Amino acid sequence: MASEQLQAIVGALRANPLPSDTSAPALRAQMESWVPDVVPDAVTVETVDANGVPAEWVRADGARAGTAVLYLHGGGYCIGSIRTHRALAARIS
């Protein structure tokens, strides 16, 4: 039997079918509507431009200086965004 977490994800997908417009922006918007944008107070988010690509520095208070993790979310340039993965980046930080 599937875990409770998997059942919750499957239920959310069934309750929120993809829009008929399946363009990349529509897919991103749909996924963003499912994910709360919650970052702990002890994390700083700085928006930057990485040679024309929107990016962010996500730093937890007390993170070791001079150390970085480059996190590239999946999604094949179709789904997901900085917003949908910001909280995960904060936890990694």
PDB file of N, CA and C in Angstrom:
ATOM      1  N   MET A   1       0.843  -1.191   0.000  1.00  0.00           N
ATOM      2  CA  MET A   1       0.000   0.000   0.000  1.00  0.00           C
ATOM      3  C   MET A   1       0.880   1.243   0.000  1.00  0.00           C
ATOM      4  N   ALA A   2       0.471   2.255  -0.735  1.00  0.00           N
ATOM      5  CA  ALA A   2       1.231   3.494  -0.830  1.00  0.00           C
ATOM      6  C   ALA A   2       1.233   4.228   0.510  1.00  0.00           C
ATOM      7  N   SER A   3       2.303   4.977   0.741  1.00  0.00           N
ATOM      8  CA  SER A   3       2.399   5.741   1.980  1.00  0.00           C
ATOM      9  C   SER A   3       1.331   6.841   2.015  1.00  0.00           C
ATOM     10  N   GLU A   4       1.085   7.355   3.201  1.00  0.00           N
ATOM     11  CA  GLU A   4       0.110   8.444   3.348  1.00  0.00           C
ATOM     12  C   GLU A   4       0.545   9.669   2.554  1.00  0.00           C
ATOM     13  N   GLN A   5       1.859   9.936   2.531  1.00  0.00           N
ATOM     14  CA  GLN A   5       2.350  11.090   1.796  1.00  0.00           C
ATOM     15  C   GLN A   5       2.087  10.944   0.304  1.00  0.00           C
ATOM     16  N   LEU A   6       2.335   9.740  -0.230  1.00  0.00           N
ATOM     17  CA  LEU A   6       2.088   9.509  -1.648  1.00  0.00           C
ATOM     18  C   LEU A   6       0.596   9.620  -1.952  1.00  0.00           C
ATOM     19  N   GLN A   7      -0.232   9.077  -1.083  1.00  0.00           N
ATOM     20  CA  GLN A   7      -1.676   9.177  -1.288  1.00  0.00           C
ATOM     21  C   GLN A   7      -2.123  10.635  -1.297  1.00  0.00           C
ATOM     22  N   ALA A   8      -1.525  11.464  -0.442  1.00  0.00           N
ATOM     23  CA  ALA A   8      -1.861  12.887  -0.402  1.00  0.00           C
ATOM     24  C   ALA A   8      -1.475  13.568  -1.712  1.00  0.00           C
ATOM     25  N   ILE A   9      -0.306  13.224  -2.246  1.00  0.00           N
ATOM     26  CA  ILE A   9       0.147  13.815  -3.511  1.00  0.00           C
ATOM     27  C   ILE A   9      -0.772  13.386  -4.648  1.00  0.00           C
ATOM     28  N   VAL A  10      -1.090  12.108  -4.709  1.00  0.00           N
ATOM     29  CA  VAL A  10      -1.985  11.607  -5.762  1.00  0.00           C
ATOM     30  C   VAL A  10      -3.347  12.292  -5.650  1.00  0.00           C
ATOM     31  N   GLY A  11      -3.846  12.449  -4.433  1.00  0.00           N
ATOM     32  CA  GLY A  11      -5.129  13.127  -4.231  1.00  0.00           C
ATOM     33  C   GLY A  11      -5.088  14.571  -4.701  1.00  0.00           C
ATOM     34  N   ALA A  12      -3.981  15.268  -4.407  1.00  0.00           N
ATOM     35  CA  ALA A  12      -3.844  16.667  -4.842  1.00  0.00           C
ATOM     36  C   ALA A  12      -3.792  16.751  -6.359  1.00  0.00           C
ATOM     37  N   LEU A  13      -3.093  15.834  -6.998  1.00  0.00           N
ATOM     38  CA  LEU A  13      -3.018  15.841  -8.460  1.00  0.00           C
ATOM     39  C   LEU A  13      -4.385  15.581  -9.087  1.00  0.00           C
ATOM     40  N   ARG A  14      -5.128  14.657  -8.512  1.00  0.00           N
ATOM     41  CA  ARG A  14      -6.463  14.361  -9.045  1.00  0.00           C
ATOM     42  C   ARG A  14      -7.428  15.512  -8.821  1.00  0.00           C
ATOM     43  N   ALA A  15      -7.285  16.199  -7.698  1.00  0.00           N
ATOM     44  CA  ALA A  15      -8.182  17.314  -7.375  1.00  0.00           C
ATOM     45  C   ALA A  15      -7.828  18.579  -8.158  1.00  0.00           C
ATOM     46  N   ASN A  16      -6.609  18.636  -8.676  1.00  0.00           N
ATOM     47  CA  ASN A  16      -6.132  19.819  -9.400  1.00  0.00           C
ATOM     48  C   ASN A  16      -5.576  19.396 -10.754  1.00  0.00           C
ATOM     49  N   PRO A  17      -6.435  18.986 -11.671  1.00  0.00           N
ATOM     50  CA  PRO A  17      -5.929  18.524 -12.965  1.00  0.00           C
ATOM     51  C   PRO A  17      -5.206  19.648 -13.698  1.00  0.00           C
ATOM     52  N   LEU A  18      -4.304  19.249 -14.575  1.00  0.00           N
ATOM     53  CA  LEU A  18      -3.568  20.235 -15.362  1.00  0.00           C
ATOM     54  C   LEU A  18      -4.523  21.026 -16.239  1.00  0.00           C
ATOM     55  N   PRO A  19      -4.219  22.293 -16.434  1.00  0.00           N
ATOM     56  CA  PRO A  19      -5.077  23.102 -17.297  1.00  0.00           C
ATOM     57  C   PRO A  19      -5.009  22.611 -18.738  1.00  0.00           C
ATOM     58  N   SER A  20      -6.038  22.926 -19.499  1.00  0.00           N
ATOM     59  CA  SER A  20      -6.035  22.501 -20.899  1.00  0.00           C
ATOM     60  C   SER A  20      -4.908  23.175 -21.669  1.00  0.00           C
ATOM     61  N   ASP A  21      -4.498  24.367 -21.245  1.00  0.00           N
ATOM     62  CA  ASP A  21      -3.344  25.039 -21.820  1.00  0.00           C
ATOM     63  C   ASP A  21      -2.117  24.462 -21.116  1.00  0.00           C
ATOM     64  N   THR A  22      -1.431  23.545 -21.752  1.00  0.00           N
ATOM     65  CA  THR A  22      -0.302  22.889 -21.100  1.00  0.00           C
ATOM     66  C   THR A  22       1.034  23.522 -21.489  1.00  0.00           C
ATOM     67  N   SER A  23       1.032  24.820 -21.737  1.00  0.00           N
ATOM     68  CA  SER A  23       2.276  25.524 -22.010  1.00  0.00           C
ATOM     69  C   SER A  23       3.136  25.522 -20.747  1.00  0.00           C
ATOM     70  N   ALA A  24       4.422  25.738 -20.915  1.00  0.00           N
ATOM     71  CA  ALA A  24       5.325  25.762 -19.767  1.00  0.00           C
ATOM     72  C   ALA A  24       4.882  26.780 -18.717  1.00  0.00           C
ATOM     73  N   PRO A  25       4.516  28.010 -19.088  1.00  0.00           N
ATOM     74  CA  PRO A  25       4.054  28.953 -18.054  1.00  0.00           C
ATOM     75  C   PRO A  25       2.806  28.457 -17.316  1.00  0.00           C
ATOM     76  N   ALA A  26       1.889  27.802 -18.022  1.00  0.00           N
ATOM     77  CA  ALA A  26       0.679  27.283 -17.374  1.00  0.00           C
ATOM     78  C   ALA A  26       1.027  26.157 -16.406  1.00  0.00           C
ATOM     79  N   LEU A  27       1.948  25.282 -16.787  1.00  0.00           N
ATOM     80  CA  LEU A  27       2.362  24.201 -15.908  1.00  0.00           C
ATOM     81  C   LEU A  27       3.049  24.744 -14.660  1.00  0.00           C
ATOM     82  N   ARG A  28       3.926  25.742 -14.845  1.00  0.00           N
ATOM     83  CA  ARG A  28       4.604  26.359 -13.701  1.00  0.00           C
ATOM     84  C   ARG A  28       3.594  26.998 -12.751  1.00  0.00           C
ATOM     85  N   ALA A  29       2.650  27.726 -13.310  1.00  0.00           N
ATOM     86  CA  ALA A  29       1.635  28.390 -12.481  1.00  0.00           C
ATOM     87  C   ALA A  29       0.819  27.374 -11.697  1.00  0.00           C
ATOM     88  N   GLN A  30       0.464  26.265 -12.337  1.00  0.00           N
ATOM     89  CA  GLN A  30      -0.299  25.220 -11.649  1.00  0.00           C
ATOM     90  C   GLN A  30       0.497  24.654 -10.482  1.00  0.00           C
ATOM     91  N   MET A  31       1.766  24.329 -10.722  1.00  0.00           N
ATOM     92  CA  MET A  31       2.581  23.771  -9.646  1.00  0.00           C
ATOM     93  C   MET A  31       2.767  24.791  -8.527  1.00  0.00           C
ATOM     94  N   GLU A  32       2.964  26.053  -8.882  1.00  0.00           N
ATOM     95  CA  GLU A  32       3.132  27.088  -7.861  1.00  0.00           C
ATOM     96  C   GLU A  32       1.886  27.231  -6.996  1.00  0.00           C
ATOM     97  N   SER A  33       0.717  26.964  -7.552  1.00  0.00           N
ATOM     98  CA  SER A  33      -0.510  27.061  -6.768  1.00  0.00           C
ATOM     99  C   SER A  33      -0.616  25.948  -5.731  1.00  0.00           C
ATOM    100  N   TRP A  34       0.145  24.868  -5.912  1.00  0.00           N
ATOM    101  CA  TRP A  34       0.099  23.738  -4.978  1.00  0.00           C
ATOM    102  C   TRP A  34       1.081  23.891  -3.823  1.00  0.00           C
ATOM    103  N   VAL A  35       2.106  24.723  -3.986  1.00  0.00           N
ATOM    104  CA  VAL A  35       3.219  24.750  -3.044  1.00  0.00           C
ATOM    105  C   VAL A  35       3.201  26.041  -2.233  1.00  0.00           C
ATOM    106  N   PRO A  36       3.120  25.948  -0.907  1.00  0.00           N
ATOM    107  CA  PRO A  36       3.188  27.169  -0.112  1.00  0.00           C
ATOM    108  C   PRO A  36       4.603  27.751  -0.176  1.00  0.00           C
ATOM    109  N   ASP A  37       4.700  29.064  -0.251  1.00  0.00           N
ATOM    110  CA  ASP A  37       6.000  29.734  -0.311  1.00  0.00           C
ATOM    111  C   ASP A  37       6.384  30.144   1.096  1.00  0.00           C
ATOM    112  N   VAL A  38       6.877  29.182   1.871  1.00  0.00           N
ATOM    113  CA  VAL A  38       7.195  29.411   3.273  1.00  0.00           C
ATOM    114  C   VAL A  38       8.677  29.138   3.488  1.00  0.00           C
ATOM    115  N   VAL A  39       9.378  30.157   3.931  1.00  0.00           N
ATOM    116  CA  VAL A  39      10.802  30.037   4.240  1.00  0.00           C
ATOM    117  C   VAL A  39      10.972  30.423   5.704  1.00  0.00           C
ATOM    118  N   PRO A  40      11.730  29.645   6.474  1.00  0.00           N
ATOM    119  CA  PRO A  40      11.925  29.977   7.890  1.00  0.00           C
ATOM    120  C   PRO A  40      12.488  31.386   8.081  1.00  0.00           C
ATOM    121  N   ASP A  41      12.162  32.005   9.209  1.00  0.00           N
ATOM    122  CA  ASP A  41      12.654  33.352   9.508  1.00  0.00           C
ATOM    123  C   ASP A  41      14.178  33.412   9.532  1.00  0.00           C
ATOM    124  N   ALA A  42      14.824  32.317   9.860  1.00  0.00           N
ATOM    125  CA  ALA A  42      16.280  32.291   9.989  1.00  0.00           C
ATOM    126  C   ALA A  42      16.981  32.069   8.648  1.00  0.00           C
ATOM    127  N   VAL A  43      16.280  32.330   7.543  1.00  0.00           N
ATOM    128  CA  VAL A  43      16.846  32.146   6.208  1.00  0.00           C
ATOM    129  C   VAL A  43      16.702  33.450   5.431  1.00  0.00           C
ATOM    130  N   THR A  44      17.777  33.847   4.762  1.00  0.00           N
ATOM    131  CA  THR A  44      17.774  35.041   3.920  1.00  0.00           C
ATOM    132  C   THR A  44      17.723  34.613   2.468  1.00  0.00           C
ATOM    133  N   VAL A  45      16.831  35.233   1.684  1.00  0.00           N
ATOM    134  CA  VAL A  45      16.713  34.955   0.253  1.00  0.00           C
ATOM    135  C   VAL A  45      17.084  36.219  -0.503  1.00  0.00           C
ATOM    136  N   GLU A  46      18.083  36.115  -1.368  1.00  0.00           N
ATOM    137  CA  GLU A  46      18.534  37.248  -2.174  1.00  0.00           C
ATOM    138  C   GLU A  46      18.350  36.902  -3.650  1.00  0.00           C
ATOM    139  N   THR A  47      17.523  37.674  -4.337  1.00  0.00           N
ATOM    140  CA  THR A  47      17.299  37.467  -5.760  1.00  0.00           C
ATOM    141  C   THR A  47      18.485  38.008  -6.540  1.00  0.00           C
ATOM    142  N   VAL A  48      18.986  37.218  -7.489  1.00  0.00           N
ATOM    143  CA  VAL A  48      20.130  37.619  -8.311  1.00  0.00           C
ATOM    144  C   VAL A  48      19.878  37.247  -9.767  1.00  0.00           C
ATOM    145  N   ASP A  49      20.670  37.815 -10.633  1.00  0.00           N
ATOM    146  CA  ASP A  49      20.637  37.498 -12.060  1.00  0.00           C
ATOM    147  C   ASP A  49      21.905  36.719 -12.372  1.00  0.00           C
ATOM    148  N   ALA A  50      21.758  35.477 -12.804  1.00  0.00           N
ATOM    149  CA  ALA A  50      22.900  34.621 -13.128  1.00  0.00           C
ATOM    150  C   ALA A  50      23.089  34.615 -14.644  1.00  0.00           C
ATOM    151  N   ASN A  51      23.658  35.705 -15.145  1.00  0.00           N
ATOM    152  CA  ASN A  51      23.890  35.839 -16.581  1.00  0.00           C
ATOM    153  C   ASN A  51      22.597  35.684 -17.377  1.00  0.00           C
ATOM    154  N   GLY A  52      21.548  36.373 -16.925  1.00  0.00           N
ATOM    155  CA  GLY A  52      20.276  36.351 -17.625  1.00  0.00           C
ATOM    156  C   GLY A  52      19.285  35.326 -17.112  1.00  0.00           C
ATOM    157  N   VAL A  53      19.682  34.494 -16.167  1.00  0.00           N
ATOM    158  CA  VAL A  53      18.812  33.463 -15.601  1.00  0.00           C
ATOM    159  C   VAL A  53      18.416  33.882 -14.187  1.00  0.00           C
ATOM    160  N   PRO A  54      17.120  33.955 -13.892  1.00  0.00           N
ATOM    161  CA  PRO A  54      16.711  34.299 -12.526  1.00  0.00           C
ATOM    162  C   PRO A  54      17.248  33.255 -11.545  1.00  0.00           C
ATOM    163  N   ALA A  55      17.822  33.729 -10.444  1.00  0.00           N
ATOM    164  CA  ALA A  55      18.403  32.816  -9.447  1.00  0.00           C
ATOM    165  C   ALA A  55      18.269  33.447  -8.071  1.00  0.00           C
ATOM    166  N   GLU A  56      18.604  32.689  -7.061  1.00  0.00           N
ATOM    167  CA  GLU A  56      18.563  33.186  -5.684  1.00  0.00           C
ATOM    168  C   GLU A  56      19.718  32.611  -4.883  1.00  0.00           C
ATOM    169  N   TRP A  57      20.230  33.434  -3.987  1.00  0.00           N
ATOM    170  CA  TRP A  57      21.090  32.951  -2.921  1.00  0.00           C
ATOM    171  C   TRP A  57      20.159  32.708  -1.740  1.00  0.00           C
ATOM    172  N   VAL A  58      20.177  31.507  -1.215  1.00  0.00           N
ATOM    173  CA  VAL A  58      19.351  31.151  -0.058  1.00  0.00           C
ATOM    174  C   VAL A  58      20.317  30.778   1.058  1.00  0.00           C
ATOM    175  N   ARG A  59      20.334  31.582   2.124  1.00  0.00           N
ATOM    176  CA  ARG A  59      21.319  31.401   3.193  1.00  0.00           C
ATOM    177  C   ARG A  59      20.631  31.264   4.547  1.00  0.00           C
ATOM    178  N   ALA A  60      20.914  30.174   5.222  1.00  0.00           N
ATOM    179  CA  ALA A  60      20.436  30.004   6.589  1.00  0.00           C
ATOM    180  C   ALA A  60      21.367  30.754   7.527  1.00  0.00           C
ATOM    181  N   ASP A  61      20.797  31.355   8.561  1.00  0.00           N
ATOM    182  CA  ASP A  61      21.629  31.997   9.567  1.00  0.00           C
ATOM    183  C   ASP A  61      22.618  30.969  10.111  1.00  0.00           C
ATOM    184  N   GLY A  62      23.867  31.343  10.209  1.00  0.00           N
ATOM    185  CA  GLY A  62      24.880  30.452  10.743  1.00  0.00           C
ATOM    186  C   GLY A  62      25.499  29.529   9.708  1.00  0.00           C
ATOM    187  N   ALA A  63      25.088  29.642   8.449  1.00  0.00           N
ATOM    188  CA  ALA A  63      25.694  28.806   7.402  1.00  0.00           C
ATOM    189  C   ALA A  63      27.159  29.182   7.270  1.00  0.00           C
ATOM    190  N   ARG A  64      27.992  28.199   6.983  1.00  0.00           N
ATOM    191  CA  ARG A  64      29.430  28.425   6.879  1.00  0.00           C
ATOM    192  C   ARG A  64      29.743  29.318   5.685  1.00  0.00           C
ATOM    193  N   ALA A  65      30.484  30.375   5.914  1.00  0.00           N
ATOM    194  CA  ALA A  65      30.877  31.296   4.841  1.00  0.00           C
ATOM    195  C   ALA A  65      31.805  30.583   3.865  1.00  0.00           C
ATOM    196  N   GLY A  66      31.685  30.954   2.588  1.00  0.00           N
ATOM    197  CA  GLY A  66      32.566  30.391   1.575  1.00  0.00           C
ATOM    198  C   GLY A  66      32.158  29.010   1.089  1.00  0.00           C
ATOM    199  N   THR A  67      30.972  28.561   1.501  1.00  0.00           N
ATOM    200  CA  THR A  67      30.465  27.254   1.091  1.00  0.00           C
ATOM    201  C   THR A  67      29.139  27.456   0.374  1.00  0.00           C
ATOM    202  N   ALA A  68      28.927  26.707  -0.705  1.00  0.00           N
ATOM    203  CA  ALA A  68      27.678  26.839  -1.447  1.00  0.00           C
ATOM    204  C   ALA A  68      27.259  25.489  -2.005  1.00  0.00           C
ATOM    205  N   VAL A  69      25.967  25.336  -2.185  1.00  0.00           N
ATOM    206  CA  VAL A  69      25.386  24.181  -2.868  1.00  0.00           C
ATOM    207  C   VAL A  69      24.641  24.741  -4.072  1.00  0.00           C
ATOM    208  N   LEU A  70      24.966  24.263  -5.250  1.00  0.00           N
ATOM    209  CA  LEU A  70      24.235  24.666  -6.447  1.00  0.00           C
ATOM    210  C   LEU A  70      23.081  23.692  -6.600  1.00  0.00           C
ATOM    211  N   TYR A  71      21.864  24.186  -6.431  1.00  0.00           N
ATOM    212  CA  TYR A  71      20.681  23.340  -6.534  1.00  0.00           C
ATOM    213  C   TYR A  71      19.927  23.702  -7.803  1.00  0.00           C
ATOM    214  N   LEU A  72      19.765  22.748  -8.683  1.00  0.00           N
ATOM    215  CA  LEU A  72      18.995  22.928  -9.916  1.00  0.00           C
ATOM    216  C   LEU A  72      17.795  21.999  -9.832  1.00  0.00           C
ATOM    217  N   HIS A  73      16.607  22.560  -9.710  1.00  0.00           N
ATOM    218  CA  HIS A  73      15.422  21.716  -9.602  1.00  0.00           C
ATOM    219  C   HIS A  73      15.146  21.043 -10.937  1.00  0.00           C
ATOM    220  N   GLY A  74      14.500  19.911 -10.890  1.00  0.00           N
ATOM    221  CA  GLY A  74      14.122  19.201 -12.108  1.00  0.00           C
ATOM    222  C   GLY A  74      12.899  19.846 -12.748  1.00  0.00           C
ATOM    223  N   GLY A  75      12.361  19.215 -13.734  1.00  0.00           N
ATOM    224  CA  GLY A  75      11.159  19.715 -14.374  1.00  0.00           C
ATOM    225  C   GLY A  75      11.311  19.946 -15.859  1.00  0.00           C
ATOM    226  N   GLY A  76      12.502  19.704 -16.374  1.00  0.00           N
ATOM    227  CA  GLY A  76      12.710  19.789 -17.817  1.00  0.00           C
ATOM    228  C   GLY A  76      12.340  21.129 -18.414  1.00  0.00           C
ATOM    229  N   TYR A  77      12.572  22.215 -17.672  1.00  0.00           N
ATOM    230  CA  TYR A  77      12.250  23.564 -18.133  1.00  0.00           C
ATOM    231  C   TYR A  77      10.761  23.745 -18.406  1.00  0.00           C
ATOM    232  N   CYS A  78       9.924  22.866 -17.845  1.00  0.00           N
ATOM    233  CA  CYS A  78       8.476  22.955 -18.071  1.00  0.00           C
ATOM    234  C   CYS A  78       7.706  23.200 -16.791  1.00  0.00           C
ATOM    235  N   ILE A  79       8.131  22.609 -15.702  1.00  0.00           N
ATOM    236  CA  ILE A  79       7.358  22.696 -14.465  1.00  0.00           C
ATOM    237  C   ILE A  79       8.322  22.915 -13.305  1.00  0.00           C
ATOM    238  N   GLY A  80       7.858  23.602 -12.316  1.00  0.00           N
ATOM    239  CA  GLY A  80       8.703  23.951 -11.190  1.00  0.00           C
ATOM    240  C   GLY A  80       9.336  25.307 -11.423  1.00  0.00           C
ATOM    241  N   SER A  81       9.773  25.932 -10.323  1.00  0.00           N
ATOM    242  CA  SER A  81      10.348  27.264 -10.417  1.00  0.00           C
ATOM    243  C   SER A  81      11.163  27.540  -9.164  1.00  0.00           C
ATOM    244  N   ILE A  82      11.760  28.716  -9.139  1.00  0.00           N
ATOM    245  CA  ILE A  82      12.453  29.130  -7.915  1.00  0.00           C
ATOM    246  C   ILE A  82      11.486  29.068  -6.743  1.00  0.00           C
ATOM    247  N   ARG A  83      10.289  29.553  -6.946  1.00  0.00           N
ATOM    248  CA  ARG A  83       9.294  29.620  -5.869  1.00  0.00           C
ATOM    249  C   ARG A  83       8.927  28.235  -5.345  1.00  0.00           C
ATOM    250  N   THR A  84       8.756  27.257  -6.242  1.00  0.00           N
ATOM    251  CA  THR A  84       8.309  25.936  -5.797  1.00  0.00           C
ATOM    252  C   THR A  84       9.399  25.172  -5.047  1.00  0.00           C
ATOM    253  N   HIS A  85      10.652  25.582  -5.193  1.00  0.00           N
ATOM    254  CA  HIS A  85      11.752  24.858  -4.561  1.00  0.00           C
ATOM    255  C   HIS A  85      12.517  25.698  -3.539  1.00  0.00           C
ATOM    256  N   ARG A  86      12.035  26.901  -3.265  1.00  0.00           N
ATOM    257  CA  ARG A  86      12.713  27.801  -2.321  1.00  0.00           C
ATOM    258  C   ARG A  86      12.786  27.201  -0.917  1.00  0.00           C
ATOM    259  N   ALA A  87      11.695  26.623  -0.445  1.00  0.00           N
ATOM    260  CA  ALA A  87      11.702  26.052   0.913  1.00  0.00           C
ATOM    261  C   ALA A  87      12.663  24.870   1.014  1.00  0.00           C
ATOM    262  N   LEU A  88      12.750  24.065  -0.045  1.00  0.00           N
ATOM    263  CA  LEU A  88      13.712  22.967  -0.042  1.00  0.00           C
ATOM    264  C   LEU A  88      15.146  23.510  -0.006  1.00  0.00           C
ATOM    265  N   ALA A  89      15.416  24.532  -0.802  1.00  0.00           N
ATOM    266  CA  ALA A  89      16.746  25.142  -0.780  1.00  0.00           C
ATOM    267  C   ALA A  89      17.061  25.683   0.622  1.00  0.00           C
ATOM    268  N   ALA A  90      16.057  26.240   1.273  1.00  0.00           N
ATOM    269  CA  ALA A  90      16.258  26.759   2.637  1.00  0.00           C
ATOM    270  C   ALA A  90      16.613  25.630   3.596  1.00  0.00           C
ATOM    271  N   ARG A  91      15.944  24.493   3.476  1.00  0.00           N
ATOM    272  CA  ARG A  91      16.253  23.347   4.340  1.00  0.00           C
ATOM    273  C   ARG A  91      17.649  22.800   4.038  1.00  0.00           C
ATOM    274  N   ILE A  92      18.042  22.757   2.780  1.00  0.00           N
ATOM    275  CA  ILE A  92      19.389  22.301   2.421  1.00  0.00           C
ATOM    276  C   ILE A  92      20.435  23.248   3.009  1.00  0.00           C
ATOM    277  N   SER A  93      20.138  24.539   2.947  1.00  0.00           N
ATOM    278  CA  SER A  93      21.071  25.534   3.467  1.00  0.00           C
ATOM    279  C   SER A  93      21.297  25.335   4.958  1.00  0.00           C
TER     280      SER A  93
END
